[in-house]
Amino acid sequence: MRKVLWLPVILFIANFGSFAYAHFARHVLALQNPYGLASAPPDLVTLYGGHLARMAGGDFGRLPVGSQPPILGMLLEGLVASLGLVGLAFGLSAVVGVALGIAAAQVEPPRLAGWLAPLTSFGLALPGFYIGTLAIVVSLWLIFRGLPTPLPVGGFGWDLHLVLPVIALALRPTAQIAAITANLLVDELKKQYAVTARSVGHTWRGVRWRHALPAALSSVTLSLAGGFRQTLAELVLVESIFNWPGLGRLIAQTLVAPSVFSVGGADTGIYFLHPEILAALITLLVAVFYLTDVIATLLARAADPRLRQADSLTA
């Protein structure tokens, strides 16, 4: 409850800080323009107060180009695209990571499988943007050789367009979840209660599934939350590389100045350092990170009665 009560304060700080950053950064860039006129920036408090008043009425503003949708509609479209991509990537990494972790926890004697270390090291050493860049390089090589590309490397679509971005987002969290799950299970299998259960006739496989895995479930839940946050953290670069029209690419377009070499650079310049867009994006991202931590904590306490007992004793 304390974390939930702090949420409005944290969201306000994130919203105001990102709005102020975009506001003053635009002014600094204008001063650096040799053909611009030096002038004092508009009053931040007045602008932000008007922004809050419009938001309270459900109006997040509109871009200066008339053909663009309202900012709220653009954010909702990007949210749907990002949630679909993140949901598939995180679901894949959670299922595969936990399965690999369980398989890597050897039971007689309790130890880690030899293949886990090189597999997880390989996965953790490859960030999502590197995988995306490598996929694009391979595709260009195939095109120059006159060969067809098996998978699209850019654009939006709920079809084969998902394959490469999902793999790029899921690889590192999968390796992290697998390593943490395996180590937690091996630690539980070495404890006295597991040895006692084995000595009274339970098989090691039964001990792993009936005793060790439930005991480690709360920590596995927290590792899943860490994998989800890692997926979100890589969303900006992966969506930008694959030109996926989600919130991650929109954050990149608001923070990085467009150029003639960027995809859609001529059209996306209107997003650069837009205070309303940047404030909404950063606030939404902070809310997702914060709520992920709160939900993971609640699930971990629900999965482990020892944590609930410790809270009651403290109270």
Protein backbone atom coordinates (compact mmCIF):
# COMPACT_ATOMS: atom_id res chain seq x y z
CA MET A 1 0.00 0.00 0.00
CA ARG A 2 2.87 2.37 0.67
CA LYS A 3 4.16 1.81 -2.84
CA VAL A 4 0.71 2.42 -4.32
CA LEU A 5 0.31 5.64 -2.34
CA TRP A 6 3.65 6.90 -3.64
CA LEU A 7 2.65 6.27 -7.26
CA PRO A 8 0.91 9.66 -7.92
CA VAL A 9 3.92 11.55 -6.55
CA ILE A 10 6.37 9.58 -8.69
CA LEU A 11 4.22 10.02 -11.80
CA PHE A 12 3.98 13.77 -11.23
CA ILE A 13 7.76 14.06 -10.86
CA ALA A 14 8.28 12.03 -14.06
CA ASN A 15 5.71 14.07 -15.98
CA PHE A 16 6.97 17.47 -14.84
CA GLY A 17 10.65 16.53 -15.23
CA SER A 18 10.25 15.27 -18.81
CA PHE A 19 8.07 18.26 -19.76
CA ALA A 20 10.63 20.68 -18.33
CA TYR A 21 13.51 18.88 -20.05
CA ALA A 22 11.87 19.14 -23.48
CA HIS A 23 10.88 22.76 -22.83
CA PHE A 24 14.37 23.99 -21.93
CA ALA A 25 16.18 21.71 -24.41
CA ARG A 26 14.20 23.23 -27.28
CA HIS A 27 15.17 26.68 -26.10
CA VAL A 28 18.86 25.74 -25.84
CA LEU A 29 18.81 24.34 -29.38
CA ALA A 30 17.12 27.50 -30.61
CA LEU A 31 19.88 29.62 -29.07
CA GLN A 32 22.50 27.51 -30.86
CA ASN A 33 20.91 28.30 -34.22
CA PRO A 34 23.01 31.09 -35.78
CA TYR A 35 19.98 32.33 -37.74
CA GLY A 36 17.62 32.33 -34.76
CA LEU A 37 16.70 35.17 -32.47
CA ALA A 38 17.80 35.03 -28.84
CA SER A 39 14.84 35.33 -26.54
CA ALA A 40 13.80 34.16 -23.11
CA PRO A 41 11.89 30.87 -23.00
CA PRO A 42 8.17 31.00 -22.20
CA ASP A 43 7.27 30.65 -18.55
CA LEU A 44 7.46 26.95 -17.64
CA VAL A 45 4.96 27.12 -14.79
CA THR A 46 2.31 28.74 -16.98
CA LEU A 47 2.83 26.28 -19.81
CA TYR A 48 2.80 23.26 -17.52
CA GLY A 49 -0.28 24.50 -15.70
CA GLY A 50 -2.11 24.77 -19.00
CA HIS A 51 -0.88 21.30 -19.92
CA LEU A 52 -2.27 19.84 -16.69
CA ALA A 53 -5.59 21.63 -17.20
CA ARG A 54 -5.94 20.21 -20.71
CA MET A 55 -4.99 16.73 -19.52
CA ALA A 56 -7.64 16.89 -16.80
CA GLY A 57 -10.18 17.46 -19.57
CA GLY A 58 -8.90 14.53 -21.59
CA ASP A 59 -7.02 16.69 -24.13
CA PHE A 60 -3.36 15.70 -24.50
CA GLY A 61 -2.82 18.20 -27.31
CA ARG A 62 -2.35 17.97 -31.04
CA LEU A 63 0.74 18.13 -33.22
CA PRO A 64 1.27 21.28 -35.27
CA VAL A 65 0.73 19.37 -38.52
CA GLY A 66 -2.99 19.16 -39.18
CA SER A 67 -2.91 15.72 -40.81
CA GLN A 68 -1.52 14.10 -37.66
CA PRO A 69 -3.93 12.45 -35.19
CA PRO A 70 -4.37 13.88 -31.67
CA ILE A 71 -1.56 13.03 -29.29
CA LEU A 72 -3.82 10.78 -27.20
CA GLY A 73 -4.85 8.74 -30.23
CA MET A 74 -1.22 8.44 -31.35
CA LEU A 75 -0.20 7.25 -27.88
CA LEU A 76 -2.97 4.66 -27.79
CA GLU A 77 -1.98 3.29 -31.21
CA GLY A 78 1.65 3.06 -30.11
CA LEU A 79 0.62 1.44 -26.82
CA VAL A 80 -1.29 -1.32 -28.62
CA ALA A 81 1.65 -2.00 -30.95
CA SER A 82 4.16 -2.08 -28.09
CA LEU A 83 2.00 -4.21 -25.79
CA GLY A 84 1.55 -6.82 -28.51
CA LEU A 85 5.28 -6.97 -29.16
CA VAL A 86 6.28 -6.96 -25.47
CA GLY A 87 3.58 -9.47 -24.53
CA LEU A 88 4.75 -12.01 -27.09
CA ALA A 89 8.43 -11.48 -26.28
CA PHE A 90 7.97 -11.69 -22.52
CA GLY A 91 5.64 -14.69 -22.75
CA LEU A 92 8.22 -16.51 -24.87
CA SER A 93 11.11 -15.62 -22.55
CA ALA A 94 9.13 -16.59 -19.42
CA VAL A 95 8.06 -20.01 -20.70
CA VAL A 96 11.38 -20.92 -22.32
CA GLY A 97 13.48 -19.41 -19.51
CA VAL A 98 11.68 -21.23 -16.69
CA ALA A 99 11.67 -24.49 -18.68
CA LEU A 100 15.42 -24.24 -19.34
CA GLY A 101 16.06 -23.38 -15.68
CA ILE A 102 14.12 -26.42 -14.46
CA ALA A 103 15.86 -28.68 -16.98
CA ALA A 104 19.29 -27.32 -15.97
CA ALA A 105 18.78 -28.08 -12.27
CA GLN A 106 20.28 -31.55 -11.98
CA VAL A 107 19.10 -33.51 -8.96
CA GLU A 108 21.50 -36.36 -8.21
CA PRO A 109 23.58 -34.77 -6.82
CA PRO A 110 22.06 -31.23 -6.95
CA ARG A 111 24.12 -29.24 -9.43
CA LEU A 112 23.84 -27.06 -12.54
CA ALA A 113 23.94 -28.71 -15.95
CA GLY A 114 27.12 -28.09 -17.87
CA TRP A 115 25.32 -26.60 -20.86
CA LEU A 116 23.67 -23.82 -18.86
CA ALA A 117 26.71 -21.55 -18.44
CA PRO A 118 27.66 -21.25 -22.16
CA LEU A 119 24.01 -20.95 -23.18
CA THR A 120 23.19 -18.15 -20.75
CA SER A 121 26.51 -16.39 -21.37
CA PHE A 122 25.77 -16.37 -25.08
CA GLY A 123 22.26 -15.01 -24.50
CA LEU A 124 23.30 -12.32 -22.01
CA ALA A 125 26.13 -11.16 -24.29
CA LEU A 126 23.75 -10.36 -27.16
CA PRO A 127 21.60 -7.27 -26.56
CA GLY A 128 18.47 -6.84 -28.61
CA PHE A 129 19.78 -4.04 -30.81
CA TYR A 130 22.79 -6.19 -31.79
CA ILE A 131 20.52 -9.04 -32.86
CA GLY A 132 18.38 -6.61 -34.83
CA THR A 133 21.38 -5.06 -36.55
CA LEU A 134 22.78 -8.50 -37.36
CA ALA A 135 19.44 -9.56 -38.87
CA ILE A 136 19.39 -6.46 -41.08
CA VAL A 137 23.00 -7.05 -42.22
CA VAL A 138 22.20 -10.67 -43.13
CA SER A 139 19.09 -9.58 -45.02
CA LEU A 140 21.04 -6.97 -46.98
CA TRP A 141 23.67 -9.58 -47.82
CA LEU A 142 20.93 -11.89 -49.16
CA ILE A 143 19.46 -9.06 -51.23
CA PHE A 144 22.85 -8.21 -52.75
CA ARG A 145 23.29 -11.89 -53.60
CA GLY A 146 19.94 -11.90 -55.35
CA LEU A 147 18.36 -14.23 -52.78
CA PRO A 148 14.97 -13.80 -51.10
CA THR A 149 14.86 -12.77 -47.44
CA PRO A 150 13.00 -15.37 -45.35
CA LEU A 151 11.62 -12.81 -42.89
CA PRO A 152 10.75 -9.10 -43.13
CA VAL A 153 13.23 -6.91 -41.26
CA GLY A 154 11.11 -3.81 -40.86
CA GLY A 155 7.62 -2.47 -40.75
CA PHE A 156 4.46 -3.31 -38.87
CA GLY A 157 2.27 -6.39 -39.08
CA TRP A 158 0.79 -9.07 -36.84
CA ASP A 159 2.40 -11.78 -38.97
CA LEU A 160 5.99 -12.63 -39.89
CA HIS A 161 6.95 -9.03 -39.07
CA LEU A 162 6.82 -10.07 -35.41
CA VAL A 163 9.41 -12.84 -35.59
CA LEU A 164 12.68 -10.91 -35.58
CA PRO A 165 11.62 -8.19 -33.09
CA VAL A 166 10.25 -10.81 -30.70
CA ILE A 167 13.46 -12.85 -30.87
CA ALA A 168 15.58 -9.73 -30.38
CA LEU A 169 13.58 -8.73 -27.29
CA ALA A 170 13.27 -12.22 -25.79
CA LEU A 171 16.81 -13.61 -26.00
CA ARG A 172 18.47 -11.79 -23.08
CA PRO A 173 15.51 -12.07 -20.65
CA THR A 174 15.28 -15.79 -21.48
CA ALA A 175 18.93 -16.32 -20.57
CA GLN A 176 18.56 -14.29 -17.38
CA ILE A 177 15.41 -16.11 -16.24
CA ALA A 178 16.93 -19.51 -17.01
CA ALA A 179 20.10 -18.79 -15.03
CA ILE A 180 18.24 -17.44 -11.99
CA THR A 181 15.65 -20.24 -11.97
CA ALA A 182 18.29 -22.97 -12.19
CA ASN A 183 20.42 -21.49 -9.41
CA LEU A 184 17.39 -21.05 -7.14
CA LEU A 185 16.31 -24.65 -7.65
CA VAL A 186 19.78 -26.05 -6.99
CA ASP A 187 20.03 -23.99 -3.80
CA GLU A 188 16.67 -25.36 -2.62
CA LEU A 189 17.63 -28.94 -3.48
CA LYS A 190 20.72 -28.63 -1.27
CA LYS A 191 18.72 -27.58 1.80
CA GLN A 192 17.97 -29.91 4.67
CA TYR A 193 14.23 -30.29 4.00
CA ALA A 194 14.95 -31.54 0.45
CA VAL A 195 17.54 -34.04 1.75
CA THR A 196 15.08 -35.22 4.39
CA ALA A 197 12.32 -35.67 1.82
CA ARG A 198 14.69 -37.73 -0.31
CA SER A 199 15.72 -39.85 2.67
CA VAL A 200 12.14 -40.85 3.47
CA GLY A 201 11.56 -42.25 0.02
CA HIS A 202 10.66 -39.36 -2.30
CA THR A 203 12.41 -39.34 -5.67
CA TRP A 204 14.62 -36.41 -6.58
CA ARG A 205 12.22 -35.54 -9.40
CA GLY A 206 9.34 -35.45 -6.93
CA VAL A 207 11.37 -33.36 -4.49
CA ARG A 208 12.16 -30.88 -7.24
CA TRP A 209 8.53 -30.47 -8.36
CA ARG A 210 6.70 -30.77 -5.02
CA HIS A 211 9.11 -29.04 -2.66
CA ALA A 212 11.95 -27.12 -4.30
CA LEU A 213 9.98 -25.38 -7.06
CA PRO A 214 7.17 -24.09 -4.77
CA ALA A 215 9.77 -22.86 -2.27
CA ALA A 216 11.62 -20.96 -5.01
CA LEU A 217 8.46 -19.68 -6.71
CA SER A 218 8.50 -16.26 -5.06
CA SER A 219 12.09 -15.59 -6.17
CA VAL A 220 11.32 -16.93 -9.66
CA THR A 221 8.42 -14.46 -9.80
CA LEU A 222 10.77 -11.58 -9.03
CA SER A 223 13.17 -12.81 -11.72
CA LEU A 224 10.28 -12.82 -14.21
CA ALA A 225 9.56 -9.21 -13.27
CA GLY A 226 13.22 -8.40 -13.89
CA GLY A 227 12.98 -10.06 -17.30
CA PHE A 228 9.90 -7.98 -18.11
CA ARG A 229 11.67 -4.76 -17.16
CA GLN A 230 14.64 -5.76 -19.30
CA THR A 231 12.29 -6.34 -22.24
CA LEU A 232 10.85 -2.86 -21.78
CA ALA A 233 14.31 -1.32 -21.50
CA GLU A 234 15.32 -2.68 -24.91
CA LEU A 235 12.06 -1.65 -26.55
CA VAL A 236 13.34 1.77 -27.67
CA LEU A 237 16.27 0.45 -29.71
CA VAL A 238 14.55 -2.66 -31.05
CA GLU A 239 11.47 -0.78 -32.25
CA SER A 240 13.68 1.87 -33.85
CA ILE A 241 15.81 -0.72 -35.67
CA PHE A 242 12.81 -2.65 -37.00
CA ASN A 243 10.71 0.49 -37.61
CA TRP A 244 7.95 -0.86 -35.37
CA PRO A 245 5.38 1.92 -34.71
CA GLY A 246 5.22 1.58 -30.94
CA LEU A 247 5.98 3.70 -27.91
CA GLY A 248 9.66 2.75 -27.95
CA ARG A 249 10.22 4.18 -31.42
CA LEU A 250 8.18 7.25 -30.47
CA ILE A 251 10.44 7.85 -27.45
CA ALA A 252 13.47 7.68 -29.73
CA GLN A 253 11.86 10.16 -32.13
CA THR A 254 11.22 12.62 -29.30
CA LEU A 255 14.76 12.40 -27.90
CA VAL A 256 16.94 12.00 -31.01
CA ALA A 257 17.05 14.69 -33.65
CA PRO A 258 15.99 13.33 -37.06
CA SER A 259 18.36 13.31 -39.99
CA VAL A 260 18.21 12.49 -43.68
CA PHE A 261 19.52 9.01 -42.81
CA SER A 262 16.79 8.17 -40.30
CA VAL A 263 13.66 6.31 -41.31
CA GLY A 264 10.90 8.83 -41.82
CA GLY A 265 13.21 11.65 -40.76
CA ALA A 266 11.32 14.32 -42.66
CA ASP A 267 8.02 13.37 -41.02
CA THR A 268 9.17 12.58 -37.49
CA GLY A 269 10.89 15.93 -36.87
CA ILE A 270 7.63 17.24 -35.42
CA TYR A 271 8.02 14.75 -32.53
CA PHE A 272 11.50 15.92 -31.54
CA LEU A 273 11.48 17.46 -28.03
CA HIS A 274 7.71 17.88 -28.06
CA PRO A 275 6.96 18.54 -24.36
CA GLU A 276 3.46 17.02 -24.27
CA ILE A 277 4.50 13.84 -26.10
CA LEU A 278 7.69 13.33 -24.10
CA ALA A 279 5.91 13.93 -20.78
CA ALA A 280 3.18 11.41 -21.64
CA LEU A 281 5.65 8.78 -22.85
CA ILE A 282 8.01 9.02 -19.87
CA THR A 283 5.10 9.05 -17.41
CA LEU A 284 3.60 5.95 -18.99
CA LEU A 285 6.96 4.15 -18.99
CA VAL A 286 7.61 5.00 -15.33
CA ALA A 287 4.10 3.82 -14.41
CA VAL A 288 4.64 0.47 -16.13
CA PHE A 289 8.02 -0.06 -14.43
CA TYR A 290 6.63 0.91 -11.03
CA LEU A 291 3.47 -1.19 -11.30
CA THR A 292 5.54 -4.15 -12.49
CA ASP A 293 7.52 -3.98 -9.26
CA VAL A 294 4.35 -3.68 -7.15
CA ILE A 295 2.60 -6.59 -8.87
CA ALA A 296 5.71 -8.78 -8.69
CA THR A 297 6.04 -8.06 -4.96
CA LEU A 298 2.38 -8.97 -4.34
CA LEU A 299 2.68 -12.18 -6.36
CA ALA A 300 5.88 -13.15 -4.55
CA ARG A 301 4.18 -12.68 -1.16
CA ALA A 302 1.17 -14.66 -2.35
CA ALA A 303 3.43 -17.50 -3.51
CA ASP A 304 5.49 -17.68 -0.31
CA PRO A 305 3.58 -17.85 3.01
CA ARG A 306 6.82 -17.18 4.88
CA LEU A 307 6.81 -13.61 3.59
CA ARG A 308 3.23 -13.07 4.77
CA GLN A 309 4.12 -14.52 8.17
CA ALA A 310 7.11 -12.16 8.43
CA ASP A 311 4.84 -9.20 7.64
CA SER A 312 2.35 -10.24 10.35
CA LEU A 313 5.12 -10.62 12.91
CA THR A 314 6.52 -7.21 12.00
CA ALA A 315 3.09 -5.63 12.32
